């Protein structure tokens, strides 16, 4: 929902757990539920599609933030963080509470 107008912006069905984080990266929408991140194409259409599934990014991802013009996505959880390349979904950096981030 658009928080300003309360109008439905898009509907992304499919996650089996509650979606706790989402962010827009270019024309795609990234959503996180538990340890799984899905990348959606055409999120504003009547037929959004999952184009990538990134599994085991972390424990219960609580935040997704796009940065550096959308080329990087920060995935944060209570235990730490992972930074992903938004085009390839490759891991760029990892940090944990145990490492003293």
PDB file of N, CA and C in Angstrom:
ATOM      1  N   UNK A   1       0.827  -1.185   0.000  1.00  0.00           N
ATOM      2  CA  UNK A   1       0.000   0.000   0.000  1.00  0.00           C
ATOM      3  C   UNK A   1       0.869   1.245   0.000  1.00  0.00           C
ATOM      4  N   UNK A   2       0.423   2.265  -0.684  1.00  0.00           N
ATOM      5  CA  UNK A   2       1.068   3.562  -0.636  1.00  0.00           C
ATOM      6  C   UNK A   2       0.696   4.176   0.711  1.00  0.00           C
ATOM      7  N   UNK A   3       1.675   4.480   1.534  1.00  0.00           N
ATOM      8  CA  UNK A   3       1.387   4.960   2.885  1.00  0.00           C
ATOM      9  C   UNK A   3       0.809   6.371   2.916  1.00  0.00           C
ATOM     10  N   UNK A   4       0.922   7.078   1.807  1.00  0.00           N
ATOM     11  CA  UNK A   4       0.353   8.430   1.772  1.00  0.00           C
ATOM     12  C   UNK A   4      -1.110   8.418   1.379  1.00  0.00           C
ATOM     13  N   UNK A   5      -1.462   7.550   0.414  1.00  0.00           N
ATOM     14  CA  UNK A   5      -2.836   7.546  -0.104  1.00  0.00           C
ATOM     15  C   UNK A   5      -3.630   6.321   0.327  1.00  0.00           C
ATOM     16  N   UNK A   6      -2.954   5.322   0.907  1.00  0.00           N
ATOM     17  CA  UNK A   6      -3.555   4.049   1.322  1.00  0.00           C
ATOM     18  C   UNK A   6      -4.143   3.270   0.146  1.00  0.00           C
ATOM     19  N   UNK A   7      -3.643   3.554  -1.053  1.00  0.00           N
ATOM     20  CA  UNK A   7      -4.062   2.806  -2.235  1.00  0.00           C
ATOM     21  C   UNK A   7      -3.140   1.604  -2.416  1.00  0.00           C
ATOM     22  N   UNK A   8      -3.716   0.499  -2.894  1.00  0.00           N
ATOM     23  CA  UNK A   8      -2.931  -0.697  -3.150  1.00  0.00           C
ATOM     24  C   UNK A   8      -1.953  -0.414  -4.280  1.00  0.00           C
ATOM     25  N   UNK A   9      -0.670  -0.638  -4.033  1.00  0.00           N
ATOM     26  CA  UNK A   9       0.359  -0.381  -5.035  1.00  0.00           C
ATOM     27  C   UNK A   9       0.668  -1.648  -5.812  1.00  0.00           C
ATOM     28  N   UNK A  10       0.837  -2.757  -5.108  1.00  0.00           N
ATOM     29  CA  UNK A  10       1.085  -4.025  -5.788  1.00  0.00           C
ATOM     30  C   UNK A  10       0.812  -5.169  -4.826  1.00  0.00           C
ATOM     31  N   UNK A  11       0.608  -6.353  -5.386  1.00  0.00           N
ATOM     32  CA  UNK A  11       0.367  -7.547  -4.600  1.00  0.00           C
ATOM     33  C   UNK A  11       1.371  -8.600  -5.042  1.00  0.00           C
ATOM     34  N   UNK A  12       2.169  -9.108  -4.108  1.00  0.00           N
ATOM     35  CA  UNK A  12       3.228 -10.047  -4.433  1.00  0.00           C
ATOM     36  C   UNK A  12       2.999 -11.348  -3.665  1.00  0.00           C
ATOM     37  N   UNK A  13       2.170 -12.234  -4.180  1.00  0.00           N
ATOM     38  CA  UNK A  13       1.860 -13.472  -3.462  1.00  0.00           C
ATOM     39  C   UNK A  13       2.963 -14.516  -3.619  1.00  0.00           C
ATOM     40  N   UNK A  14       3.113 -15.372  -2.616  1.00  0.00           N
ATOM     41  CA  UNK A  14       4.050 -16.470  -2.783  1.00  0.00           C
ATOM     42  C   UNK A  14       4.891 -16.813  -1.576  1.00  0.00           C
ATOM     43  N   UNK A  15       5.331 -15.814  -0.797  1.00  0.00           N
ATOM     44  CA  UNK A  15       6.148 -16.128   0.371  1.00  0.00           C
ATOM     45  C   UNK A  15       5.343 -16.976   1.343  1.00  0.00           C
ATOM     46  N   UNK A  16       5.999 -17.921   1.998  1.00  0.00           N
ATOM     47  CA  UNK A  16       5.310 -18.774   2.973  1.00  0.00           C
ATOM     48  C   UNK A  16       5.464 -18.237   4.391  1.00  0.00           C
ATOM     49  N   UNK A  17       6.259 -17.194   4.584  1.00  0.00           N
ATOM     50  CA  UNK A  17       6.405 -16.521   5.864  1.00  0.00           C
ATOM     51  C   UNK A  17       6.048 -15.056   5.679  1.00  0.00           C
ATOM     52  N   UNK A  18       5.869 -14.347   6.779  1.00  0.00           N
ATOM     53  CA  UNK A  18       5.552 -12.924   6.696  1.00  0.00           C
ATOM     54  C   UNK A  18       6.694 -12.164   6.041  1.00  0.00           C
ATOM     55  N   UNK A  19       6.361 -11.266   5.128  1.00  0.00           N
ATOM     56  CA  UNK A  19       7.353 -10.402   4.501  1.00  0.00           C
ATOM     57  C   UNK A  19       7.690  -9.295   5.494  1.00  0.00           C
ATOM     58  N   UNK A  20       8.965  -9.227   5.878  1.00  0.00           N
ATOM     59  CA  UNK A  20       9.399  -8.251   6.867  1.00  0.00           C
ATOM     60  C   UNK A  20      10.165  -7.088   6.255  1.00  0.00           C
ATOM     61  N   UNK A  21      10.598  -7.234   4.996  1.00  0.00           N
ATOM     62  CA  UNK A  21      11.360  -6.162   4.370  1.00  0.00           C
ATOM     63  C   UNK A  21      11.117  -6.162   2.874  1.00  0.00           C
ATOM     64  N   UNK A  22      11.167  -4.983   2.302  1.00  0.00           N
ATOM     65  CA  UNK A  22      11.069  -4.852   0.851  1.00  0.00           C
ATOM     66  C   UNK A  22      11.766  -3.574   0.420  1.00  0.00           C
ATOM     67  N   UNK A  23      12.262  -3.582  -0.812  1.00  0.00           N
ATOM     68  CA  UNK A  23      12.849  -2.368  -1.377  1.00  0.00           C
ATOM     69  C   UNK A  23      12.740  -2.427  -2.898  1.00  0.00           C
ATOM     70  N   UNK A  24      12.752  -1.272  -3.483  1.00  0.00           N
ATOM     71  CA  UNK A  24      12.693  -1.145  -4.932  1.00  0.00           C
ATOM     72  C   UNK A  24      14.107  -0.940  -5.454  1.00  0.00           C
ATOM     73  N   UNK A  25      14.487  -1.763  -6.444  1.00  0.00           N
ATOM     74  CA  UNK A  25      15.816  -1.669  -7.049  1.00  0.00           C
ATOM     75  C   UNK A  25      15.615  -1.591  -8.550  1.00  0.00           C
ATOM     76  N   UNK A  26      15.802  -0.400  -9.106  1.00  0.00           N
ATOM     77  CA  UNK A  26      15.515  -0.220 -10.528  1.00  0.00           C
ATOM     78  C   UNK A  26      14.041  -0.488 -10.776  1.00  0.00           C
ATOM     79  N   UNK A  27      13.717  -1.351 -11.728  1.00  0.00           N
ATOM     80  CA  UNK A  27      12.334  -1.713 -12.012  1.00  0.00           C
ATOM     81  C   UNK A  27      11.885  -2.968 -11.298  1.00  0.00           C
ATOM     82  N   UNK A  28      12.712  -3.454 -10.349  1.00  0.00           N
ATOM     83  CA  UNK A  28      12.393  -4.685  -9.637  1.00  0.00           C
ATOM     84  C   UNK A  28      12.029  -4.382  -8.189  1.00  0.00           C
ATOM     85  N   UNK A  29      11.330  -5.323  -7.579  1.00  0.00           N
ATOM     86  CA  UNK A  29      11.006  -5.244  -6.164  1.00  0.00           C
ATOM     87  C   UNK A  29      11.676  -6.411  -5.464  1.00  0.00           C
ATOM     88  N   UNK A  30      12.377  -6.161  -4.378  1.00  0.00           N
ATOM     89  CA  UNK A  30      12.994  -7.203  -3.572  1.00  0.00           C
ATOM     90  C   UNK A  30      12.175  -7.355  -2.302  1.00  0.00           C
ATOM     91  N   UNK A  31      11.831  -8.600  -1.939  1.00  0.00           N
ATOM     92  CA  UNK A  31      11.099  -8.857  -0.705  1.00  0.00           C
ATOM     93  C   UNK A  31      11.848  -9.921   0.092  1.00  0.00           C
ATOM     94  N   UNK A  32      11.744  -9.837   1.413  1.00  0.00           N
ATOM     95  CA  UNK A  32      12.417 -10.805   2.288  1.00  0.00           C
ATOM     96  C   UNK A  32      11.429 -11.365   3.292  1.00  0.00           C
ATOM     97  N   UNK A  33      11.451 -12.685   3.407  1.00  0.00           N
ATOM     98  CA  UNK A  33      10.651 -13.398   4.407  1.00  0.00           C
ATOM     99  C   UNK A  33      11.529 -14.502   4.970  1.00  0.00           C
ATOM    100  N   UNK A  34      11.797 -14.446   6.261  1.00  0.00           N
ATOM    101  CA  UNK A  34      12.715 -15.410   6.855  1.00  0.00           C
ATOM    102  C   UNK A  34      14.085 -15.256   6.223  1.00  0.00           C
ATOM    103  N   UNK A  35      14.730 -16.360   5.801  1.00  0.00           N
ATOM    104  CA  UNK A  35      16.055 -16.285   5.204  1.00  0.00           C
ATOM    105  C   UNK A  35      16.037 -16.171   3.680  1.00  0.00           C
ATOM    106  N   UNK A  36      14.869 -15.955   3.098  1.00  0.00           N
ATOM    107  CA  UNK A  36      14.740 -15.983   1.642  1.00  0.00           C
ATOM    108  C   UNK A  36      14.421 -14.590   1.090  1.00  0.00           C
ATOM    109  N   UNK A  37      15.144 -14.213   0.039  1.00  0.00           N
ATOM    110  CA  UNK A  37      14.883 -12.963  -0.677  1.00  0.00           C
ATOM    111  C   UNK A  37      14.389 -13.317  -2.065  1.00  0.00           C
ATOM    112  N   UNK A  38      13.300 -12.698  -2.474  1.00  0.00           N
ATOM    113  CA  UNK A  38      12.794 -12.869  -3.834  1.00  0.00           C
ATOM    114  C   UNK A  38      12.935 -11.555  -4.582  1.00  0.00           C
ATOM    115  N   UNK A  39      13.312 -11.648  -5.842  1.00  0.00           N
ATOM    116  CA  UNK A  39      13.406 -10.495  -6.730  1.00  0.00           C
ATOM    117  C   UNK A  39      12.270 -10.625  -7.739  1.00  0.00           C
ATOM    118  N   UNK A  40      11.437  -9.611  -7.807  1.00  0.00           N
ATOM    119  CA  UNK A  40      10.239  -9.613  -8.650  1.00  0.00           C
ATOM    120  C   UNK A  40      10.408  -8.684  -9.836  1.00  0.00           C
ATOM    121  N   UNK A  41       9.947  -9.117 -11.001  1.00  0.00           N
ATOM    122  CA  UNK A  41       9.859  -8.215 -12.151  1.00  0.00           C
ATOM    123  C   UNK A  41       8.399  -7.802 -12.292  1.00  0.00           C
ATOM    124  N   UNK A  42       8.161  -6.692 -12.894  1.00  0.00           N
ATOM    125  CA  UNK A  42       6.813  -6.154 -13.121  1.00  0.00           C
ATOM    126  C   UNK A  42       5.985  -6.072 -11.840  1.00  0.00           C
ATOM    127  N   UNK A  43       6.527  -5.507 -10.748  1.00  0.00           N
ATOM    128  CA  UNK A  43       5.782  -5.513  -9.492  1.00  0.00           C
ATOM    129  C   UNK A  43       4.496  -4.706  -9.526  1.00  0.00           C
ATOM    130  N   UNK A  44       4.415  -3.719 -10.413  1.00  0.00           N
ATOM    131  CA  UNK A  44       3.211  -2.895 -10.472  1.00  0.00           C
ATOM    132  C   UNK A  44       2.173  -3.435 -11.448  1.00  0.00           C
ATOM    133  N   UNK A  45       2.484  -4.537 -12.121  1.00  0.00           N
ATOM    134  CA  UNK A  45       1.549  -5.100 -13.092  1.00  0.00           C
ATOM    135  C   UNK A  45       0.572  -6.044 -12.397  1.00  0.00           C
ATOM    136  N   UNK A  46      -0.369  -6.549 -13.141  1.00  0.00           N
ATOM    137  CA  UNK A  46      -1.319  -7.521 -12.588  1.00  0.00           C
ATOM    138  C   UNK A  46      -0.718  -8.919 -12.567  1.00  0.00           C
ATOM    139  N   UNK A  47       0.496  -9.075 -13.127  1.00  0.00           N
ATOM    140  CA  UNK A  47       1.131 -10.389 -13.173  1.00  0.00           C
ATOM    141  C   UNK A  47       2.610 -10.296 -12.778  1.00  0.00           C
ATOM    142  N   UNK A  48       2.912  -9.965 -11.489  1.00  0.00           N
ATOM    143  CA  UNK A  48       4.313  -9.916 -11.088  1.00  0.00           C
ATOM    144  C   UNK A  48       4.921 -11.316 -11.086  1.00  0.00           C
ATOM    145  N   UNK A  49       6.202 -11.405 -11.399  1.00  0.00           N
ATOM    146  CA  UNK A  49       6.885 -12.701 -11.489  1.00  0.00           C
ATOM    147  C   UNK A  49       8.158 -12.686 -10.660  1.00  0.00           C
ATOM    148  N   UNK A  50       8.427 -13.803  -9.952  1.00  0.00           N
ATOM    149  CA  UNK A  50       9.698 -13.962  -9.256  1.00  0.00           C
ATOM    150  C   UNK A  50      10.738 -14.334 -10.298  1.00  0.00           C
ATOM    151  N   UNK A  51      11.779 -13.520 -10.417  1.00  0.00           N
ATOM    152  CA  UNK A  51      12.829 -13.794 -11.406  1.00  0.00           C
ATOM    153  C   UNK A  51      14.092 -14.346 -10.762  1.00  0.00           C
ATOM    154  N   UNK A  52      14.239 -14.144  -9.440  1.00  0.00           N
ATOM    155  CA  UNK A  52      15.390 -14.689  -8.721  1.00  0.00           C
ATOM    156  C   UNK A  52      14.954 -15.046  -7.313  1.00  0.00           C
ATOM    157  N   UNK A  53      15.490 -16.155  -6.806  1.00  0.00           N
ATOM    158  CA  UNK A  53      15.320 -16.507  -5.404  1.00  0.00           C
ATOM    159  C   UNK A  53      16.697 -16.649  -4.792  1.00  0.00           C
ATOM    160  N   UNK A  54      16.931 -15.898  -3.725  1.00  0.00           N
ATOM    161  CA  UNK A  54      18.213 -15.943  -3.036  1.00  0.00           C
ATOM    162  C   UNK A  54      17.939 -16.563  -1.676  1.00  0.00           C
ATOM    163  N   UNK A  55      18.431 -17.776  -1.479  1.00  0.00           N
ATOM    164  CA  UNK A  55      18.122 -18.533  -0.268  1.00  0.00           C
ATOM    165  C   UNK A  55      19.263 -18.435   0.740  1.00  0.00           C
ATOM    166  N   UNK A  56      18.927 -18.526   1.992  1.00  0.00           N
ATOM    167  CA  UNK A  56      19.899 -18.541   3.090  1.00  0.00           C
ATOM    168  C   UNK A  56      20.803 -17.317   3.116  1.00  0.00           C
ATOM    169  N   UNK A  57      20.210 -16.148   2.889  1.00  0.00           N
ATOM    170  CA  UNK A  57      20.983 -14.905   2.965  1.00  0.00           C
ATOM    171  C   UNK A  57      21.337 -14.609   4.417  1.00  0.00           C
ATOM    172  N   UNK A  58      20.450 -14.912   5.308  1.00  0.00           N
ATOM    173  CA  UNK A  58      20.663 -14.660   6.732  1.00  0.00           C
ATOM    174  C   UNK A  58      19.486 -15.197   7.505  1.00  0.00           C
ATOM    175  N   UNK A  59      19.540 -15.018   8.787  1.00  0.00           N
ATOM    176  CA  UNK A  59      18.415 -15.446   9.625  1.00  0.00           C
ATOM    177  C   UNK A  59      17.420 -14.314   9.734  1.00  0.00           C
ATOM    178  N   UNK A  60      16.201 -14.567   9.343  1.00  0.00           N
ATOM    179  CA  UNK A  60      15.120 -13.588   9.492  1.00  0.00           C
ATOM    180  C   UNK A  60      15.545 -12.176   9.116  1.00  0.00           C
ATOM    181  N   UNK A  61      15.647 -11.938   7.848  1.00  0.00           N
ATOM    182  CA  UNK A  61      16.045 -10.635   7.326  1.00  0.00           C
ATOM    183  C   UNK A  61      15.011  -9.598   7.736  1.00  0.00           C
ATOM    184  N   UNK A  62      15.480  -8.517   8.330  1.00  0.00           N
ATOM    185  CA  UNK A  62      14.593  -7.476   8.826  1.00  0.00           C
ATOM    186  C   UNK A  62      14.658  -6.198   8.012  1.00  0.00           C
ATOM    187  N   UNK A  63      15.687  -6.044   7.182  1.00  0.00           N
ATOM    188  CA  UNK A  63      15.783  -4.835   6.375  1.00  0.00           C
ATOM    189  C   UNK A  63      16.454  -5.122   5.040  1.00  0.00           C
ATOM    190  N   UNK A  64      15.969  -4.438   4.034  1.00  0.00           N
ATOM    191  CA  UNK A  64      16.569  -4.445   2.700  1.00  0.00           C
ATOM    192  C   UNK A  64      16.744  -2.990   2.295  1.00  0.00           C
ATOM    193  N   UNK A  65      17.951  -2.611   1.963  1.00  0.00           N
ATOM    194  CA  UNK A  65      18.227  -1.237   1.561  1.00  0.00           C
ATOM    195  C   UNK A  65      19.027  -1.236   0.274  1.00  0.00           C
ATOM    196  N   UNK A  66      18.542  -0.519  -0.724  1.00  0.00           N
ATOM    197  CA  UNK A  66      19.291  -0.368  -1.973  1.00  0.00           C
ATOM    198  C   UNK A  66      20.211   0.837  -1.827  1.00  0.00           C
ATOM    199  N   UNK A  67      21.460   0.703  -2.274  1.00  0.00           N
ATOM    200  CA  UNK A  67      22.394   1.810  -2.191  1.00  0.00           C
ATOM    201  C   UNK A  67      23.288   1.835  -3.421  1.00  0.00           C
ATOM    202  N   UNK A  68      24.086   2.873  -3.523  1.00  0.00           N
ATOM    203  CA  UNK A  68      24.999   3.067  -4.644  1.00  0.00           C
ATOM    204  C   UNK A  68      24.252   3.031  -5.972  1.00  0.00           C
ATOM    205  N   UNK A  69      23.158   3.788  -6.054  1.00  0.00           N
ATOM    206  CA  UNK A  69      22.375   3.858  -7.284  1.00  0.00           C
ATOM    207  C   UNK A  69      21.657   2.563  -7.609  1.00  0.00           C
ATOM    208  N   UNK A  70      21.451   1.705  -6.613  1.00  0.00           N
ATOM    209  CA  UNK A  70      20.747   0.449  -6.839  1.00  0.00           C
ATOM    210  C   UNK A  70      21.651  -0.713  -7.206  1.00  0.00           C
ATOM    211  N   UNK A  71      22.970  -0.504  -7.224  1.00  0.00           N
ATOM    212  CA  UNK A  71      23.862  -1.607  -7.608  1.00  0.00           C
ATOM    213  C   UNK A  71      24.144  -2.552  -6.442  1.00  0.00           C
ATOM    214  N   UNK A  72      23.919  -2.082  -5.220  1.00  0.00           N
ATOM    215  CA  UNK A  72      24.142  -2.905  -4.028  1.00  0.00           C
ATOM    216  C   UNK A  72      22.853  -2.992  -3.219  1.00  0.00           C
ATOM    217  N   UNK A  73      22.637  -4.134  -2.579  1.00  0.00           N
ATOM    218  CA  UNK A  73      21.507  -4.283  -1.662  1.00  0.00           C
ATOM    219  C   UNK A  73      22.044  -4.788  -0.331  1.00  0.00           C
ATOM    220  N   UNK A  74      21.727  -4.050   0.716  1.00  0.00           N
ATOM    221  CA  UNK A  74      22.105  -4.396   2.084  1.00  0.00           C
ATOM    222  C   UNK A  74      20.973  -5.205   2.689  1.00  0.00           C
ATOM    223  N   UNK A  75      21.249  -6.414   3.188  1.00  0.00           N
ATOM    224  CA  UNK A  75      20.269  -7.276   3.831  1.00  0.00           C
ATOM    225  C   UNK A  75      20.665  -7.386   5.299  1.00  0.00           C
ATOM    226  N   UNK A  76      19.864  -6.831   6.182  1.00  0.00           N
ATOM    227  CA  UNK A  76      20.219  -6.812   7.591  1.00  0.00           C
ATOM    228  C   UNK A  76      19.328  -7.699   8.444  1.00  0.00           C
ATOM    229  N   UNK A  77      19.925  -8.326   9.447  1.00  0.00           N
ATOM    230  CA  UNK A  77      19.173  -9.131  10.409  1.00  0.00           C
ATOM    231  C   UNK A  77      19.727  -8.851  11.797  1.00  0.00           C
ATOM    232  N   UNK A  78      19.149  -9.466  12.798  1.00  0.00           N
ATOM    233  CA  UNK A  78      19.632  -9.284  14.164  1.00  0.00           C
ATOM    234  C   UNK A  78      21.056  -9.808  14.296  1.00  0.00           C
ATOM    235  N   UNK A  79      21.379 -10.873  13.571  1.00  0.00           N
ATOM    236  CA  UNK A  79      22.687 -11.517  13.691  1.00  0.00           C
ATOM    237  C   UNK A  79      23.790 -10.816  12.907  1.00  0.00           C
ATOM    238  N   UNK A  80      23.453 -10.010  11.899  1.00  0.00           N
ATOM    239  CA  UNK A  80      24.475  -9.355  11.096  1.00  0.00           C
ATOM    240  C   UNK A  80      23.925  -8.838   9.784  1.00  0.00           C
ATOM    241  N   UNK A  81      24.755  -8.820   8.762  1.00  0.00           N
ATOM    242  CA  UNK A  81      24.324  -8.296   7.466  1.00  0.00           C
ATOM    243  C   UNK A  81      25.042  -8.989   6.325  1.00  0.00           C
ATOM    244  N   UNK A  82      24.449  -8.863   5.139  1.00  0.00           N
ATOM    245  CA  UNK A  82      25.054  -9.319   3.890  1.00  0.00           C
ATOM    246  C   UNK A  82      24.845  -8.206   2.877  1.00  0.00           C
ATOM    247  N   UNK A  83      25.851  -7.898   2.079  1.00  0.00           N
ATOM    248  CA  UNK A  83      25.712  -6.941   0.982  1.00  0.00           C
ATOM    249  C   UNK A  83      25.800  -7.732  -0.312  1.00  0.00           C
ATOM    250  N   UNK A  84      24.795  -7.563  -1.174  1.00  0.00           N
ATOM    251  CA  UNK A  84      24.722  -8.299  -2.428  1.00  0.00           C
ATOM    252  C   UNK A  84      24.853  -7.370  -3.620  1.00  0.00           C
ATOM    253  N   UNK A  85      25.443  -7.869  -4.694  1.00  0.00           N
ATOM    254  CA  UNK A  85      25.420  -7.190  -5.981  1.00  0.00           C
ATOM    255  C   UNK A  85      24.011  -7.377  -6.529  1.00  0.00           C
ATOM    256  N   UNK A  86      23.305  -6.308  -6.834  1.00  0.00           N
ATOM    257  CA  UNK A  86      21.899  -6.432  -7.239  1.00  0.00           C
ATOM    258  C   UNK A  86      21.719  -7.050  -8.622  1.00  0.00           C
ATOM    259  N   UNK A  87      22.739  -7.015  -9.453  1.00  0.00           N
ATOM    260  CA  UNK A  87      22.618  -7.606 -10.795  1.00  0.00           C
ATOM    261  C   UNK A  87      22.878  -9.115 -10.783  1.00  0.00           C
ATOM    262  N   UNK A  88      23.920  -9.536 -10.058  1.00  0.00           N
ATOM    263  CA  UNK A  88      24.327 -10.944 -10.075  1.00  0.00           C
ATOM    264  C   UNK A  88      23.885 -11.702  -8.824  1.00  0.00           C
ATOM    265  N   UNK A  89      23.489 -10.962  -7.780  1.00  0.00           N
ATOM    266  CA  UNK A  89      23.120 -11.529  -6.469  1.00  0.00           C
ATOM    267  C   UNK A  89      24.296 -12.186  -5.765  1.00  0.00           C
ATOM    268  N   UNK A  90      25.504 -11.876  -6.203  1.00  0.00           N
ATOM    269  CA  UNK A  90      26.695 -12.411  -5.541  1.00  0.00           C
ATOM    270  C   UNK A  90      26.955 -11.635  -4.255  1.00  0.00           C
ATOM    271  N   UNK A  91      27.478 -12.329  -3.258  1.00  0.00           N
ATOM    272  CA  UNK A  91      27.806 -11.714  -1.977  1.00  0.00           C
ATOM    273  C   UNK A  91      29.058 -10.865  -2.123  1.00  0.00           C
ATOM    274  N   UNK A  92      28.988  -9.627  -1.638  1.00  0.00           N
ATOM    275  CA  UNK A  92      30.126  -8.713  -1.685  1.00  0.00           C
ATOM    276  C   UNK A  92      30.766  -8.594  -0.305  1.00  0.00           C
ATOM    277  N   UNK A  93      29.939  -8.526   0.729  1.00  0.00           N
ATOM    278  CA  UNK A  93      30.460  -8.394   2.090  1.00  0.00           C
ATOM    279  C   UNK A  93      29.515  -9.071   3.070  1.00  0.00           C
ATOM    280  N   UNK A  94      30.088  -9.557   4.165  1.00  0.00           N
ATOM    281  CA  UNK A  94      29.321 -10.207   5.229  1.00  0.00           C
ATOM    282  C   UNK A  94      29.856  -9.701   6.559  1.00  0.00           C
ATOM    283  N   UNK A  95      28.959  -9.442   7.489  1.00  0.00           N
ATOM    284  CA  UNK A  95      29.369  -9.054   8.833  1.00  0.00           C
ATOM    285  C   UNK A  95      28.449  -9.687   9.842  1.00  0.00           C
ATOM    286  N   UNK A  96      28.954  -9.971  11.013  1.00  0.00           N
ATOM    287  CA  UNK A  96      28.112 -10.588  12.035  1.00  0.00           C
ATOM    288  C   UNK A  96      28.319  -9.905  13.367  1.00  0.00           C
ATOM    289  N   UNK A  97      27.373 -10.110  14.254  1.00  0.00           N
ATOM    290  CA  UNK A  97      27.475  -9.559  15.596  1.00  0.00           C
ATOM    291  C   UNK A  97      28.714 -10.106  16.281  1.00  0.00           C
ATOM    292  N   UNK A  98      29.010 -11.373  16.026  1.00  0.00           N
ATOM    293  CA  UNK A  98      30.202 -11.998  16.627  1.00  0.00           C
ATOM    294  C   UNK A  98      31.496 -11.320  16.209  1.00  0.00           C
ATOM    295  N   UNK A  99      31.501 -10.727  15.007  1.00  0.00           N
ATOM    296  CA  UNK A  99      32.698 -10.046  14.503  1.00  0.00           C
ATOM    297  C   UNK A  99      32.787  -8.609  14.976  1.00  0.00           C
ATOM    298  N   UNK A 100      31.768  -8.157  15.718  1.00  0.00           N
ATOM    299  CA  UNK A 100      31.791  -6.817  16.262  1.00  0.00           C
ATOM    300  C   UNK A 100      31.497  -5.717  15.258  1.00  0.00           C
ATOM    301  N   UNK A 101      30.458  -5.926  14.445  1.00  0.00           N
ATOM    302  CA  UNK A 101      30.134  -4.890  13.447  1.00  0.00           C
ATOM    303  C   UNK A 101      29.583  -3.654  14.110  1.00  0.00           C
TER     304      UNK A 101
END
